[in-house]
């Protein structure tokens, strides 16, 4: 191709992919299948679907993040659940009630906090990620509609975008939230 990019493989996932996360150390990509309430596991070397794991307790997975040390996937689901799954075997190890309209998730490896943005409720659920449990730290009030989220792991700040409407380009804004001094690592 003109840009130097080539298609390495086409992989049938058996469902509608929403988002994914790679674990280069494990050689895997984990992909939310929104219509199947499952995680597709793809082997990076063989470019093949290795497994499809059901998300017990979760429906309509949207966001996915990874704690590569604990080998935990943090999955945000449309049924207002934050689900934690073992990335070595697909076992759901914890579930936490979260906001409505979840879109994105993030994980901060230094603070061991997981985040799930709930644009429908105007909240971000923040949870402490431990081996087999998610502990609610805070339901941060943001704004209704603010659901697209990213995390800056250097500053430990999360950023969400929002607008009055999708067609009002002059109302677009970015919301920034950080840790209090007492909560910093």
Protein backbone atom coordinates (compact mmCIF):
# COMPACT_ATOMS: atom_id res chain seq x y z
CA UNK A 1 0.00 0.00 0.00
CA UNK A 2 1.03 3.64 -0.37
CA UNK A 3 1.35 4.24 3.37
CA UNK A 4 3.25 1.04 4.11
CA UNK A 5 0.38 -0.44 6.11
CA UNK A 6 -0.75 -3.91 5.15
CA UNK A 7 -3.54 -6.15 6.34
CA UNK A 8 -1.88 -8.95 8.31
CA UNK A 9 -5.05 -10.99 8.79
CA UNK A 10 -8.84 -10.86 8.77
CA UNK A 11 -10.28 -12.55 11.81
CA UNK A 12 -13.92 -13.55 12.21
CA UNK A 13 -14.87 -12.75 15.80
CA UNK A 14 -18.40 -14.12 15.82
CA UNK A 15 -19.93 -10.89 17.08
CA UNK A 16 -19.90 -7.10 16.83
CA UNK A 17 -16.62 -5.69 18.21
CA UNK A 18 -16.83 -2.49 20.24
CA UNK A 19 -13.34 -1.90 21.67
CA UNK A 20 -10.23 -3.83 22.55
CA UNK A 21 -7.03 -3.87 24.52
CA UNK A 22 -3.71 -5.60 23.84
CA UNK A 23 -1.48 -7.42 26.29
CA UNK A 24 1.84 -7.65 24.48
CA UNK A 25 3.45 -9.70 27.27
CA UNK A 26 0.73 -12.35 26.96
CA UNK A 27 0.59 -12.03 23.16
CA UNK A 28 -3.18 -11.48 23.21
CA UNK A 29 -5.79 -8.93 22.18
CA UNK A 30 -9.05 -8.86 24.12
CA UNK A 31 -12.07 -7.49 22.24
CA UNK A 32 -15.54 -6.64 23.56
CA UNK A 33 -18.30 -8.30 21.54
CA UNK A 34 -21.12 -5.91 22.29
CA UNK A 35 -23.95 -8.03 20.87
CA UNK A 36 -22.77 -11.27 22.51
CA UNK A 37 -21.82 -10.03 26.01
CA UNK A 38 -18.50 -11.74 25.51
CA UNK A 39 -14.77 -11.16 25.12
CA UNK A 40 -13.01 -12.43 21.99
CA UNK A 41 -9.40 -13.46 22.63
CA UNK A 42 -7.08 -13.19 19.65
CA UNK A 43 -3.55 -14.59 19.56
CA UNK A 44 -1.15 -11.94 18.23
CA UNK A 45 1.28 -14.44 16.68
CA UNK A 46 -1.16 -16.72 14.90
CA UNK A 47 -3.79 -14.03 14.20
CA UNK A 48 -6.48 -16.50 15.20
CA UNK A 49 -9.47 -16.36 17.51
CA UNK A 50 -8.34 -18.38 20.49
CA UNK A 51 -11.41 -18.18 22.73
CA UNK A 52 -14.70 -16.40 23.35
CA UNK A 53 -15.49 -15.80 27.00
CA UNK A 54 -18.97 -14.88 28.28
CA UNK A 55 -19.17 -11.85 30.54
CA UNK A 56 -21.21 -13.30 33.40
CA UNK A 57 -23.28 -10.48 34.90
CA UNK A 58 -22.48 -8.01 32.12
CA UNK A 59 -24.45 -7.08 29.01
CA UNK A 60 -23.48 -4.88 26.07
CA UNK A 61 -19.77 -4.46 26.85
CA UNK A 62 -18.41 -1.15 25.62
CA UNK A 63 -15.16 -0.14 27.34
CA UNK A 64 -12.28 -2.43 28.21
CA UNK A 65 -9.02 -1.80 30.07
CA UNK A 66 -6.23 -4.06 31.33
CA UNK A 67 -4.24 -4.44 34.53
CA UNK A 68 -1.31 -6.37 33.05
CA UNK A 69 0.26 -7.14 36.45
CA UNK A 70 -2.82 -8.68 38.08
CA UNK A 71 -3.98 -10.03 34.69
CA UNK A 72 -7.39 -8.41 35.03
CA UNK A 73 -9.68 -6.96 32.38
CA UNK A 74 -11.90 -4.10 33.53
CA UNK A 75 -15.04 -4.09 31.38
CA UNK A 76 -17.74 -1.43 31.29
CA UNK A 77 -21.17 -2.77 30.36
CA UNK A 78 -24.41 -1.20 29.13
CA UNK A 79 -26.36 -2.82 31.98
CA UNK A 80 -24.61 -0.38 34.38
CA UNK A 81 -22.00 -2.88 35.53
CA UNK A 82 -18.25 -2.68 35.89
CA UNK A 83 -16.96 -6.23 35.51
CA UNK A 84 -13.50 -7.57 36.29
CA UNK A 85 -12.35 -10.69 34.44
CA UNK A 86 -9.22 -12.83 34.78
CA UNK A 87 -7.36 -12.34 31.48
CA UNK A 88 -5.76 -15.79 31.69
CA UNK A 89 -8.97 -17.83 31.75
CA UNK A 90 -12.04 -15.59 31.26
CA UNK A 91 -13.44 -16.08 34.75
CA UNK A 92 -15.41 -13.11 36.08
CA UNK A 93 -13.93 -12.38 39.51
CA UNK A 94 -15.83 -9.22 40.52
CA UNK A 95 -18.78 -7.06 39.51
CA UNK A 96 -19.67 -3.57 40.69
CA UNK A 97 -22.75 -1.42 40.10
CA UNK A 98 -21.77 1.56 37.95
CA UNK A 99 -23.42 4.44 36.13
CA UNK A 100 -25.91 4.40 33.27
CA UNK A 101 -24.75 4.67 29.68
CA UNK A 102 -21.25 3.32 30.24
CA UNK A 103 -18.99 3.91 27.26
CA UNK A 104 -15.33 3.86 28.28
CA UNK A 105 -13.11 2.27 30.90
CA UNK A 106 -9.56 3.00 31.97
CA UNK A 107 -7.01 1.61 34.40
CA UNK A 108 -4.24 3.50 36.20
CA UNK A 109 -1.40 1.08 37.04
CA UNK A 110 0.21 3.36 39.63
CA UNK A 111 -2.91 4.09 41.68
CA UNK A 112 -4.56 0.71 40.95
CA UNK A 113 -7.78 2.51 40.11
CA UNK A 114 -10.27 1.49 37.45
CA UNK A 115 -12.67 3.98 35.85
CA UNK A 116 -15.99 3.52 34.00
CA UNK A 117 -17.65 6.56 32.43
CA UNK A 118 -21.44 6.66 32.62
CA UNK A 119 -22.65 9.37 30.27
CA UNK A 120 -26.32 8.55 30.89
CA UNK A 121 -26.02 9.21 34.62
CA UNK A 122 -23.30 11.84 34.33
CA UNK A 123 -20.88 9.90 36.54
CA UNK A 124 -17.57 8.09 36.50
CA UNK A 125 -17.36 5.04 38.73
CA UNK A 126 -13.91 4.81 40.31
CA UNK A 127 -12.91 1.51 41.90
CA UNK A 128 -9.83 0.09 43.57
CA UNK A 129 -8.66 -2.91 41.54
CA UNK A 130 -7.43 -5.83 43.61
CA UNK A 131 -6.85 -9.48 42.72
CA UNK A 132 -10.43 -10.66 43.18
CA UNK A 133 -12.42 -7.58 44.07
CA UNK A 134 -13.46 -4.14 42.90
CA UNK A 135 -14.01 -1.71 45.77
CA UNK A 136 -15.98 1.44 45.10
CA UNK A 137 -13.84 4.51 45.82
CA UNK A 138 -16.11 7.21 44.38
CA UNK A 139 -18.99 7.93 42.05
CA UNK A 140 -17.64 11.11 40.54
CA UNK A 141 -20.32 13.48 39.26
CA UNK A 142 -19.44 14.78 35.79
CA UNK A 143 -22.08 15.79 33.21
CA UNK A 144 -24.85 13.87 31.47
CA UNK A 145 -23.57 12.90 28.05
CA UNK A 146 -19.89 12.90 29.05
CA UNK A 147 -18.95 9.33 28.19
CA UNK A 148 -15.89 9.30 25.92
CA UNK A 149 -12.97 9.15 28.34
CA UNK A 150 -9.22 8.79 28.43
CA UNK A 151 -6.67 8.63 31.23
CA UNK A 152 -3.26 10.28 31.49
CA UNK A 153 -1.29 7.82 33.62
CA UNK A 154 1.52 10.35 34.19
CA UNK A 155 -0.77 12.92 35.85
CA UNK A 156 -3.50 10.49 36.99
CA UNK A 157 -6.12 12.75 35.39
CA UNK A 158 -9.13 11.58 33.42
CA UNK A 159 -10.57 13.55 30.53
CA UNK A 160 -14.12 13.31 29.20
CA UNK A 161 -15.63 15.04 26.20
CA UNK A 162 -19.12 16.49 26.03
CA UNK A 163 -21.30 18.81 23.98
CA UNK A 164 -24.84 20.17 24.10
CA UNK A 165 -25.59 18.10 21.01
CA UNK A 166 -23.69 16.20 18.33
CA UNK A 167 -24.55 18.88 15.78
CA UNK A 168 -23.59 21.91 17.91
CA UNK A 169 -19.86 22.04 17.21
CA UNK A 170 -19.46 25.27 19.19
CA UNK A 171 -20.52 23.57 22.42
CA UNK A 172 -17.78 20.88 22.46
CA UNK A 173 -15.70 20.79 25.64
CA UNK A 174 -13.27 18.61 27.51
CA UNK A 175 -13.77 17.95 31.22
CA UNK A 176 -10.66 17.28 33.35
CA UNK A 177 -10.62 15.55 36.75
CA UNK A 178 -7.64 14.69 38.94
CA UNK A 179 -6.84 13.10 42.25
CA UNK A 180 -6.86 15.07 45.47
CA UNK A 181 -3.45 15.48 47.11
CA UNK A 182 -4.40 12.91 49.76
CA UNK A 183 -5.20 10.30 47.12
CA UNK A 184 -2.02 10.71 45.04
CA UNK A 185 0.39 7.76 45.04
